[in-house]
Amino acid sequence: MLNYRYGIEDAPRWPYELPSDGATLTEFPITTWRVLGRNVPVAGGAYFRIYPYAFTKLALGAINRGGHPFTFYLHPWEIDAAHPRIPLPRRIALTHYVNLGATDRRLRRLLRDFRFAPMKEVLGVRDAAARV
């Protein structure tokens, strides 16, 4: 996924391992939905607030039906519609503040519509302490 502020367009879409100094790091990329040959971010943050909930539900359902879990995220401030506003460039302010008042309601709905679990459980990863 490529965004004007971040992203690597051809990055893997599902969790993958990166070797690092004799250890392995697992990356959990931002979940995207493949639409018309493009990876569209759909699972959290501004995307959760900008897209209509029906679009988010459709996308996440399609990802699950394709046999993949999705990684969903929110920043804590996104649940607080009354958090202090700071001056930001217009383009950033738009995505930062849009639909903050709907986030809590949408999150509650998402938690009813889908099953969630810790990443280690979904991927069948054991605790490091249990491997010793």
C-alpha atoms as a PDB file:
ATOM      1  CA  MET A   1       0.000   0.000   0.000  1.00  0.00           C
ATOM      2  CA  LEU A   2       1.272   3.451  -0.808  1.00  0.00           C
ATOM      3  CA  ASN A   3       0.034   6.605   0.879  1.00  0.00           C
ATOM      4  CA  TYR A   4       1.260  10.152   0.380  1.00  0.00           C
ATOM      5  CA  ARG A   5       2.747   9.991   3.909  1.00  0.00           C
ATOM      6  CA  TYR A   6       3.967   6.381   4.113  1.00  0.00           C
ATOM      7  CA  GLY A   7       3.865   2.902   2.628  1.00  0.00           C
ATOM      8  CA  ILE A   8       5.546   0.512   0.230  1.00  0.00           C
ATOM      9  CA  GLU A   9       3.253  -0.339  -2.660  1.00  0.00           C
ATOM     10  CA  ASP A  10       4.531  -3.885  -3.233  1.00  0.00           C
ATOM     11  CA  ALA A  11       5.056  -4.819   0.436  1.00  0.00           C
ATOM     12  CA  PRO A  12       3.633  -8.160   1.613  1.00  0.00           C
ATOM     13  CA  ARG A  13      -0.005  -7.885   2.708  1.00  0.00           C
ATOM     14  CA  TRP A  14       0.044 -10.595   5.379  1.00  0.00           C
ATOM     15  CA  PRO A  15       2.316 -11.205   8.395  1.00  0.00           C
ATOM     16  CA  TYR A  16       5.824 -12.204   7.347  1.00  0.00           C
ATOM     17  CA  GLU A  17       9.170 -12.804   8.965  1.00  0.00           C
ATOM     18  CA  LEU A  18      12.306 -10.692   8.623  1.00  0.00           C
ATOM     19  CA  PRO A  19      15.671 -12.101   9.726  1.00  0.00           C
ATOM     20  CA  SER A  20      17.550  -9.743  12.021  1.00  0.00           C
ATOM     21  CA  ASP A  21      20.913 -10.470  13.695  1.00  0.00           C
ATOM     22  CA  GLY A  22      20.212 -14.177  14.171  1.00  0.00           C
ATOM     23  CA  ALA A  23      16.656 -13.572  15.363  1.00  0.00           C
ATOM     24  CA  THR A  24      13.396 -13.288  13.490  1.00  0.00           C
ATOM     25  CA  LEU A  25      11.086 -10.309  13.531  1.00  0.00           C
ATOM     26  CA  THR A  26       7.475 -10.811  12.444  1.00  0.00           C
ATOM     27  CA  GLU A  27       5.890  -7.803  10.761  1.00  0.00           C
ATOM     28  CA  PHE A  28       2.126  -7.331  10.809  1.00  0.00           C
ATOM     29  CA  PRO A  29       1.401  -4.959   7.930  1.00  0.00           C
ATOM     30  CA  ILE A  30      -1.574  -2.626   7.893  1.00  0.00           C
ATOM     31  CA  THR A  31      -4.423  -4.693   6.487  1.00  0.00           C
ATOM     32  CA  THR A  32      -5.364  -3.898   2.916  1.00  0.00           C
ATOM     33  CA  TRP A  33      -8.120  -5.072   0.597  1.00  0.00           C
ATOM     34  CA  ARG A  34      -7.152  -5.772  -3.000  1.00  0.00           C
ATOM     35  CA  VAL A  35      -9.544  -3.761  -5.198  1.00  0.00           C
ATOM     36  CA  LEU A  36      -9.097  -3.234  -8.944  1.00  0.00           C
ATOM     37  CA  GLY A  37      -5.444  -4.239  -8.723  1.00  0.00           C
ATOM     38  CA  ARG A  38      -4.635  -1.872  -5.850  1.00  0.00           C
ATOM     39  CA  ASN A  39      -4.117  -2.432  -2.132  1.00  0.00           C
ATOM     40  CA  VAL A  40      -6.606  -0.249  -0.281  1.00  0.00           C
ATOM     41  CA  PRO A  41      -6.004   0.271   3.466  1.00  0.00           C
ATOM     42  CA  VAL A  42      -9.166  -0.671   5.372  1.00  0.00           C
ATOM     43  CA  ALA A  43      -8.440  -1.687   8.940  1.00  0.00           C
ATOM     44  CA  GLY A  44      -8.022   1.214  11.274  1.00  0.00           C
ATOM     45  CA  GLY A  45      -7.111   4.764  12.062  1.00  0.00           C
ATOM     46  CA  ALA A  46      -8.314   7.425   9.663  1.00  0.00           C
ATOM     47  CA  TYR A  47      -9.521   4.781   7.217  1.00  0.00           C
ATOM     48  CA  PHE A  48     -11.979   3.488   9.829  1.00  0.00           C
ATOM     49  CA  ARG A  49     -13.281   7.020  10.343  1.00  0.00           C
ATOM     50  CA  ILE A  50     -13.306   8.124   6.680  1.00  0.00           C
ATOM     51  CA  TYR A  51     -14.922   5.130   4.979  1.00  0.00           C
ATOM     52  CA  PRO A  52     -18.587   4.354   5.625  1.00  0.00           C
ATOM     53  CA  TYR A  53     -18.900   1.510   8.141  1.00  0.00           C
ATOM     54  CA  ALA A  54     -20.598  -0.674   5.503  1.00  0.00           C
ATOM     55  CA  PHE A  55     -17.452  -0.443   3.331  1.00  0.00           C
ATOM     56  CA  THR A  56     -15.202  -1.409   6.254  1.00  0.00           C
ATOM     57  CA  LYS A  57     -17.440  -4.372   7.118  1.00  0.00           C
ATOM     58  CA  LEU A  58     -17.516  -5.525   3.483  1.00  0.00           C
ATOM     59  CA  ALA A  59     -13.730  -5.275   3.141  1.00  0.00           C
ATOM     60  CA  LEU A  60     -12.887  -7.024   6.418  1.00  0.00           C
ATOM     61  CA  GLY A  61     -15.460  -9.739   5.708  1.00  0.00           C
ATOM     62  CA  ALA A  62     -13.908 -10.336   2.278  1.00  0.00           C
ATOM     63  CA  ILE A  63     -10.455 -10.617   3.853  1.00  0.00           C
ATOM     64  CA  ASN A  64     -11.740 -13.183   6.375  1.00  0.00           C
ATOM     65  CA  ARG A  65     -13.580 -15.153   3.666  1.00  0.00           C
ATOM     66  CA  GLY A  66     -10.277 -15.236   1.754  1.00  0.00           C
ATOM     67  CA  GLY A  67      -8.785 -17.146   4.680  1.00  0.00           C
ATOM     68  CA  HIS A  68      -6.872 -14.293   6.295  1.00  0.00           C
ATOM     69  CA  PRO A  69      -7.194 -12.554   9.632  1.00  0.00           C
ATOM     70  CA  PHE A  70      -6.990  -8.782   9.603  1.00  0.00           C
ATOM     71  CA  THR A  71      -4.972  -6.498  11.830  1.00  0.00           C
ATOM     72  CA  PHE A  72      -7.123  -3.661  13.143  1.00  0.00           C
ATOM     73  CA  TYR A  73      -5.775  -0.631  14.985  1.00  0.00           C
ATOM     74  CA  LEU A  74      -6.917   2.630  16.518  1.00  0.00           C
ATOM     75  CA  HIS A  75      -5.001   5.360  18.273  1.00  0.00           C
ATOM     76  CA  PRO A  76      -6.356   6.061  21.784  1.00  0.00           C
ATOM     77  CA  TRP A  77      -7.132   9.692  20.902  1.00  0.00           C
ATOM     78  CA  GLU A  78      -9.471   8.515  18.119  1.00  0.00           C
ATOM     79  CA  ILE A  79     -11.996   7.400  20.739  1.00  0.00           C
ATOM     80  CA  ASP A  80     -11.991  10.837  22.396  1.00  0.00           C
ATOM     81  CA  ALA A  81     -14.019  13.125  20.133  1.00  0.00           C
ATOM     82  CA  ALA A  82     -13.345  16.049  22.476  1.00  0.00           C
ATOM     83  CA  HIS A  83      -9.549  15.814  22.549  1.00  0.00           C
ATOM     84  CA  PRO A  84      -7.724  19.110  22.041  1.00  0.00           C
ATOM     85  CA  ARG A  85      -7.317  20.312  18.464  1.00  0.00           C
ATOM     86  CA  ILE A  86      -3.931  21.483  17.295  1.00  0.00           C
ATOM     87  CA  PRO A  87      -3.209  23.535  14.186  1.00  0.00           C
ATOM     88  CA  LEU A  88      -2.265  21.196  11.357  1.00  0.00           C
ATOM     89  CA  PRO A  89      -1.912  21.572   7.598  1.00  0.00           C
ATOM     90  CA  ARG A  90      -5.383  21.296   6.046  1.00  0.00           C
ATOM     91  CA  ARG A  91      -4.764  17.921   4.363  1.00  0.00           C
ATOM     92  CA  ILE A  92      -3.547  16.347   7.602  1.00  0.00           C
ATOM     93  CA  ALA A  93      -6.229  18.000   9.750  1.00  0.00           C
ATOM     94  CA  LEU A  94      -8.954  16.600   7.515  1.00  0.00           C
ATOM     95  CA  THR A  95      -7.874  12.984   8.016  1.00  0.00           C
ATOM     96  CA  HIS A  96      -6.940  13.559  11.650  1.00  0.00           C
ATOM     97  CA  TYR A  97     -10.239  15.002  12.848  1.00  0.00           C
ATOM     98  CA  VAL A  98     -12.907  13.664  10.480  1.00  0.00           C
ATOM     99  CA  ASN A  99     -15.665  11.572  12.111  1.00  0.00           C
ATOM    100  CA  LEU A 100     -14.068  11.427  15.563  1.00  0.00           C
ATOM    101  CA  GLY A 101     -17.560  11.520  17.042  1.00  0.00           C
ATOM    102  CA  ALA A 102     -18.447   8.263  15.264  1.00  0.00           C
ATOM    103  CA  THR A 103     -15.364   6.230  16.238  1.00  0.00           C
ATOM    104  CA  ASP A 104     -16.655   4.844  19.542  1.00  0.00           C
ATOM    105  CA  ARG A 105     -19.979   3.781  18.025  1.00  0.00           C
ATOM    106  CA  ARG A 106     -18.282   2.210  14.991  1.00  0.00           C
ATOM    107  CA  LEU A 107     -15.779   0.373  17.179  1.00  0.00           C
ATOM    108  CA  ARG A 108     -18.561  -1.121  19.296  1.00  0.00           C
ATOM    109  CA  ARG A 109     -20.301  -2.267  16.118  1.00  0.00           C
ATOM    110  CA  LEU A 110     -17.079  -3.762  14.738  1.00  0.00           C
ATOM    111  CA  LEU A 111     -16.563  -5.717  17.965  1.00  0.00           C
ATOM    112  CA  ARG A 112     -20.066  -7.184  17.573  1.00  0.00           C
ATOM    113  CA  ASP A 113     -19.640  -7.980  13.865  1.00  0.00           C
ATOM    114  CA  PHE A 114     -16.258  -9.758  14.002  1.00  0.00           C
ATOM    115  CA  ARG A 115     -14.278 -12.080  16.271  1.00  0.00           C
ATOM    116  CA  PHE A 116     -11.007 -10.749  17.682  1.00  0.00           C
ATOM    117  CA  ALA A 117      -8.052 -12.386  19.406  1.00  0.00           C
ATOM    118  CA  PRO A 118      -4.434 -11.546  20.244  1.00  0.00           C
ATOM    119  CA  MET A 119      -2.048 -11.917  17.300  1.00  0.00           C
ATOM    120  CA  LYS A 120      -0.133 -14.736  18.981  1.00  0.00           C
ATOM    121  CA  GLU A 121      -3.361 -16.725  19.328  1.00  0.00           C
ATOM    122  CA  VAL A 122      -4.475 -16.169  15.732  1.00  0.00           C
ATOM    123  CA  LEU A 123      -1.056 -17.198  14.418  1.00  0.00           C
ATOM    124  CA  GLY A 124      -0.529 -20.034  16.904  1.00  0.00           C
ATOM    125  CA  VAL A 125       2.604 -18.458  18.397  1.00  0.00           C
ATOM    126  CA  ARG A 126       3.755 -19.615  21.829  1.00  0.00           C
ATOM    127  CA  ASP A 127       5.073 -17.210  24.468  1.00  0.00           C
ATOM    128  CA  ALA A 128       8.864 -16.831  24.511  1.00  0.00           C
ATOM    129  CA  ALA A 129       8.901 -17.867  28.185  1.00  0.00           C
ATOM    130  CA  ALA A 130       7.078 -21.104  27.319  1.00  0.00           C
ATOM    131  CA  ARG A 131       9.774 -22.010  24.759  1.00  0.00           C
ATOM    132  CA  VAL A 132      12.584 -22.048  27.339  1.00  0.00           C
END
